[in-house]
Protein backbone atom coordinates (compact mmCIF):
# COMPACT_ATOMS: atom_id res chain seq x y z
CA UNK A 1 -0.05 0.04 -0.06
CA UNK A 2 1.31 3.45 -0.78
CA UNK A 3 2.20 5.49 2.28
CA UNK A 4 -0.25 8.29 1.56
CA UNK A 5 -3.14 5.93 1.29
CA UNK A 6 -2.13 3.95 4.20
CA UNK A 7 -2.87 6.87 6.55
CA UNK A 8 -6.37 7.01 5.30
CA UNK A 9 -7.43 3.90 7.15
CA UNK A 10 -5.92 1.87 9.98
CA UNK A 11 -4.73 -1.60 8.95
CA UNK A 12 -7.63 -3.25 10.75
CA UNK A 13 -10.19 -0.93 9.23
CA UNK A 14 -8.66 -1.56 5.77
CA UNK A 15 -8.67 -5.37 6.21
CA UNK A 16 -12.27 -5.41 7.48
CA UNK A 17 -13.54 -3.31 4.67
CA UNK A 18 -11.67 -5.27 1.95
CA UNK A 19 -12.90 -8.51 3.52
CA UNK A 20 -16.49 -7.38 3.48
CA UNK A 21 -16.29 -6.02 0.00
CA UNK A 22 -14.56 -9.14 -1.28
CA UNK A 23 -17.38 -11.22 0.15
CA UNK A 24 -20.00 -9.09 -1.51
CA UNK A 25 -18.18 -9.50 -4.84
CA UNK A 26 -18.23 -13.29 -4.41
CA UNK A 27 -21.90 -13.39 -3.57
CA UNK A 28 -22.71 -10.85 -6.50
CA UNK A 29 -21.25 -13.21 -8.95
CA UNK A 30 -23.16 -16.19 -7.69
CA UNK A 31 -20.83 -17.66 -5.12
CA UNK A 32 -18.60 -19.41 -7.52
CA UNK A 33 -15.36 -20.70 -5.92
CA UNK A 34 -11.80 -20.16 -7.39
CA UNK A 35 -11.78 -16.35 -7.83
CA UNK A 36 -10.96 -15.35 -4.27
CA UNK A 37 -7.73 -13.64 -5.16
CA UNK A 38 -9.33 -11.59 -7.88
CA UNK A 39 -12.17 -10.73 -5.65
CA UNK A 40 -9.85 -9.67 -2.89
CA UNK A 41 -7.72 -7.38 -5.35
CA UNK A 42 -10.80 -5.89 -6.84
CA UNK A 43 -12.13 -5.09 -3.23
CA UNK A 44 -8.70 -3.58 -2.30
CA UNK A 45 -8.77 -1.33 -5.29
CA UNK A 46 -12.30 -0.17 -4.44
CA UNK A 47 -11.69 0.47 -0.80
CA UNK A 48 -8.53 2.47 -1.49
CA UNK A 49 -10.34 4.47 -4.25
CA UNK A 50 -13.16 5.29 -1.95
CA UNK A 51 -10.93 6.24 0.94
CA UNK A 52 -8.94 8.47 -1.51
CA UNK A 53 -12.03 10.21 -2.75
CA UNK A 54 -13.31 10.78 0.76
CA UNK A 55 -10.09 12.26 1.85
CA UNK A 56 -10.27 14.65 -1.27
CA UNK A 57 -13.84 15.45 -0.44
CA UNK A 58 -15.16 14.24 -3.60
CA UNK A 59 -18.44 12.43 -3.73
CA UNK A 60 -17.39 8.81 -4.37
CA UNK A 61 -19.20 5.61 -3.74
CA UNK A 62 -20.24 5.09 -0.11
CA UNK A 63 -17.90 2.73 1.88
CA UNK A 64 -18.55 0.43 4.73
CA UNK A 65 -20.95 1.66 7.47
CA UNK A 66 -21.36 -0.72 10.34
CA UNK A 67 -20.93 -3.77 8.32
CA UNK A 68 -22.71 -2.75 5.07
CA UNK A 69 -21.35 -1.44 1.89
CA UNK A 70 -23.61 0.55 -0.45
CA UNK A 71 -22.02 1.39 -3.72
CA UNK A 72 -22.85 2.46 -7.30
CA UNK A 73 -23.04 -0.03 -10.06
CA UNK A 74 -19.62 -1.13 -11.31
CA UNK A 75 -18.25 0.40 -14.49
CA UNK A 76 -16.57 -1.87 -17.04
CA UNK A 77 -13.40 -1.08 -18.65
């Protein structure tokens, strides 16, 4: 993790948010096994992006609030 982004969340907050988001990604795609690393990496990217947006004060997706993440529809690249 980059040093600037590391200061946005504690390590425990970061892991908790990433774990929750990775699980949501897994459930959203039907609970198919075998893509856990990809789910985790996608979740890390989303959590870091959300935290950076919040630090800049821009209106990004909402992040974890007491165990539930609400976010906008994913964009495809």
